[in-house]
Amino acid sequence: MAQALLTAVVIVAAWITRIAVTELRHPGTATAQWAFLRDGRAVSAGALAAVLLGSVGWLHVGVEGFVWALFAAVLTAYAVSVLRSR
């Protein structure tokens, strides 16, 4: 479990660091990057992905599957928000 959790944390930390560096170079971009959290459809799609992938992941591999399902849910919400804004 520790390896899956550590890998997910490193990926999330890299994503947040990338957003922070972009914000330093171009002020105001972080708000646009985190806007997916205010998009109702994107959050709903992410929640649905979390429930579906989390239940399957939990049944097959336990906590590691649930951690990756949460990560996939955040990416799903982000992708839905980006696609809706275009």
C-alpha atoms as a PDB file:
ATOM      1  CA  MET A   1       0.000   0.000   0.000  1.00  0.00           C
ATOM      2  CA  ALA A   2       2.783   2.427   0.842  1.00  0.00           C
ATOM      3  CA  GLN A   3       4.208   2.321  -2.673  1.00  0.00           C
ATOM      4  CA  ALA A   4       0.870   3.083  -4.369  1.00  0.00           C
ATOM      5  CA  LEU A   5       0.110   5.877  -1.944  1.00  0.00           C
ATOM      6  CA  LEU A   6       3.593   7.376  -2.300  1.00  0.00           C
ATOM      7  CA  THR A   7       3.384   7.289  -6.099  1.00  0.00           C
ATOM      8  CA  ALA A   8       0.007   9.025  -6.097  1.00  0.00           C
ATOM      9  CA  VAL A   9       1.265  11.662  -3.648  1.00  0.00           C
ATOM     10  CA  VAL A  10       4.342  12.348  -5.795  1.00  0.00           C
ATOM     11  CA  ILE A  11       2.190  12.789  -8.907  1.00  0.00           C
ATOM     12  CA  VAL A  12      -0.202  15.156  -7.113  1.00  0.00           C
ATOM     13  CA  ALA A  13       2.737  17.104  -5.657  1.00  0.00           C
ATOM     14  CA  ALA A  14       4.258  17.480  -9.128  1.00  0.00           C
ATOM     15  CA  TRP A  15       0.921  18.709 -10.479  1.00  0.00           C
ATOM     16  CA  ILE A  16       0.561  21.280  -7.685  1.00  0.00           C
ATOM     17  CA  THR A  17       4.187  22.391  -8.138  1.00  0.00           C
ATOM     18  CA  ARG A  18       3.591  22.870 -11.862  1.00  0.00           C
ATOM     19  CA  ILE A  19       0.548  25.015 -11.137  1.00  0.00           C
ATOM     20  CA  ALA A  20       2.505  27.054  -8.573  1.00  0.00           C
ATOM     21  CA  VAL A  21       5.392  27.703 -10.964  1.00  0.00           C
ATOM     22  CA  THR A  22       2.963  28.720 -13.707  1.00  0.00           C
ATOM     23  CA  GLU A  23       1.240  31.058 -11.251  1.00  0.00           C
ATOM     24  CA  LEU A  24       4.564  32.708 -10.429  1.00  0.00           C
ATOM     25  CA  ARG A  25       5.303  33.251 -14.118  1.00  0.00           C
ATOM     26  CA  HIS A  26       1.783  34.331 -15.101  1.00  0.00           C
ATOM     27  CA  PRO A  27      -0.289  35.588 -12.148  1.00  0.00           C
ATOM     28  CA  GLY A  28      -3.929  34.506 -12.221  1.00  0.00           C
ATOM     29  CA  THR A  29      -3.430  31.183 -13.977  1.00  0.00           C
ATOM     30  CA  ALA A  30      -3.858  29.103 -10.828  1.00  0.00           C
ATOM     31  CA  THR A  31      -7.458  30.250 -10.534  1.00  0.00           C
ATOM     32  CA  ALA A  32      -8.109  28.945 -14.040  1.00  0.00           C
ATOM     33  CA  GLN A  33      -6.374  25.659 -13.237  1.00  0.00           C
ATOM     34  CA  TRP A  34      -8.491  25.049 -10.125  1.00  0.00           C
ATOM     35  CA  ALA A  35     -11.750  26.222 -11.753  1.00  0.00           C
ATOM     36  CA  PHE A  36     -12.788  22.606 -12.334  1.00  0.00           C
ATOM     37  CA  LEU A  37     -13.642  22.374  -8.620  1.00  0.00           C
ATOM     38  CA  ARG A  38     -16.443  24.926  -9.156  1.00  0.00           C
ATOM     39  CA  ASP A  39     -17.892  23.185 -12.220  1.00  0.00           C
ATOM     40  CA  GLY A  40     -20.872  21.133 -11.098  1.00  0.00           C
ATOM     41  CA  ARG A  41     -20.859  18.724 -14.029  1.00  0.00           C
ATOM     42  CA  ALA A  42     -17.133  18.128 -13.715  1.00  0.00           C
ATOM     43  CA  VAL A  43     -17.381  17.428  -9.991  1.00  0.00           C
ATOM     44  CA  SER A  44     -20.341  15.104 -10.611  1.00  0.00           C
ATOM     45  CA  ALA A  45     -18.402  13.209 -13.274  1.00  0.00           C
ATOM     46  CA  GLY A  46     -15.446  12.935 -10.911  1.00  0.00           C
ATOM     47  CA  ALA A  47     -17.664  11.683  -8.088  1.00  0.00           C
ATOM     48  CA  LEU A  48     -19.220   9.080 -10.380  1.00  0.00           C
ATOM     49  CA  ALA A  49     -15.768   7.955 -11.483  1.00  0.00           C
ATOM     50  CA  ALA A  50     -14.649   7.763  -7.849  1.00  0.00           C
ATOM     51  CA  VAL A  51     -17.594   5.585  -6.876  1.00  0.00           C
ATOM     52  CA  LEU A  52     -17.335   3.239  -9.843  1.00  0.00           C
ATOM     53  CA  LEU A  53     -13.560   2.914  -9.971  1.00  0.00           C
ATOM     54  CA  GLY A  54     -13.235   2.977  -6.187  1.00  0.00           C
ATOM     55  CA  SER A  55     -15.605   0.082  -5.687  1.00  0.00           C
ATOM     56  CA  VAL A  56     -13.958  -2.014  -8.391  1.00  0.00           C
ATOM     57  CA  GLY A  57     -10.484  -1.105  -7.182  1.00  0.00           C
ATOM     58  CA  TRP A  58     -11.344  -1.834  -3.563  1.00  0.00           C
ATOM     59  CA  LEU A  59     -12.747  -5.253  -4.466  1.00  0.00           C
ATOM     60  CA  HIS A  60      -9.763  -6.288  -6.561  1.00  0.00           C
ATOM     61  CA  VAL A  61      -6.697  -4.796  -4.866  1.00  0.00           C
ATOM     62  CA  GLY A  62      -7.864  -3.056  -1.713  1.00  0.00           C
ATOM     63  CA  VAL A  63      -6.738   0.366  -0.579  1.00  0.00           C
ATOM     64  CA  GLU A  64      -4.282   0.814  -3.459  1.00  0.00           C
ATOM     65  CA  GLY A  65      -7.109   0.554  -5.953  1.00  0.00           C
ATOM     66  CA  PHE A  66      -9.118   3.121  -4.017  1.00  0.00           C
ATOM     67  CA  VAL A  67      -6.203   5.588  -3.954  1.00  0.00           C
ATOM     68  CA  TRP A  68      -5.767   5.334  -7.714  1.00  0.00           C
ATOM     69  CA  ALA A  69      -9.520   5.625  -8.194  1.00  0.00           C
ATOM     70  CA  LEU A  70      -9.515   8.936  -6.336  1.00  0.00           C
ATOM     71  CA  PHE A  71      -6.635  10.141  -8.469  1.00  0.00           C
ATOM     72  CA  ALA A  72      -8.495   9.083 -11.622  1.00  0.00           C
ATOM     73  CA  ALA A  73     -11.620  10.865 -10.356  1.00  0.00           C
ATOM     74  CA  VAL A  74      -9.748  14.158  -9.970  1.00  0.00           C
ATOM     75  CA  LEU A  75      -8.291  13.791 -13.457  1.00  0.00           C
ATOM     76  CA  THR A  76     -11.751  12.980 -14.812  1.00  0.00           C
ATOM     77  CA  ALA A  77     -13.222  16.098 -13.242  1.00  0.00           C
ATOM     78  CA  TYR A  78     -10.360  18.180 -14.635  1.00  0.00           C
ATOM     79  CA  ALA A  79     -10.755  16.720 -18.127  1.00  0.00           C
ATOM     80  CA  VAL A  80     -14.530  17.232 -18.156  1.00  0.00           C
ATOM     81  CA  SER A  81     -14.086  20.836 -17.080  1.00  0.00           C
ATOM     82  CA  VAL A  82     -11.469  21.522 -19.752  1.00  0.00           C
ATOM     83  CA  LEU A  83     -13.584  19.931 -22.473  1.00  0.00           C
ATOM     84  CA  ARG A  84     -16.661  21.913 -21.398  1.00  0.00           C
ATOM     85  CA  SER A  85     -14.771  25.210 -21.451  1.00  0.00           C
ATOM     86  CA  ARG A  86     -13.724  24.796 -25.095  1.00  0.00           C
END
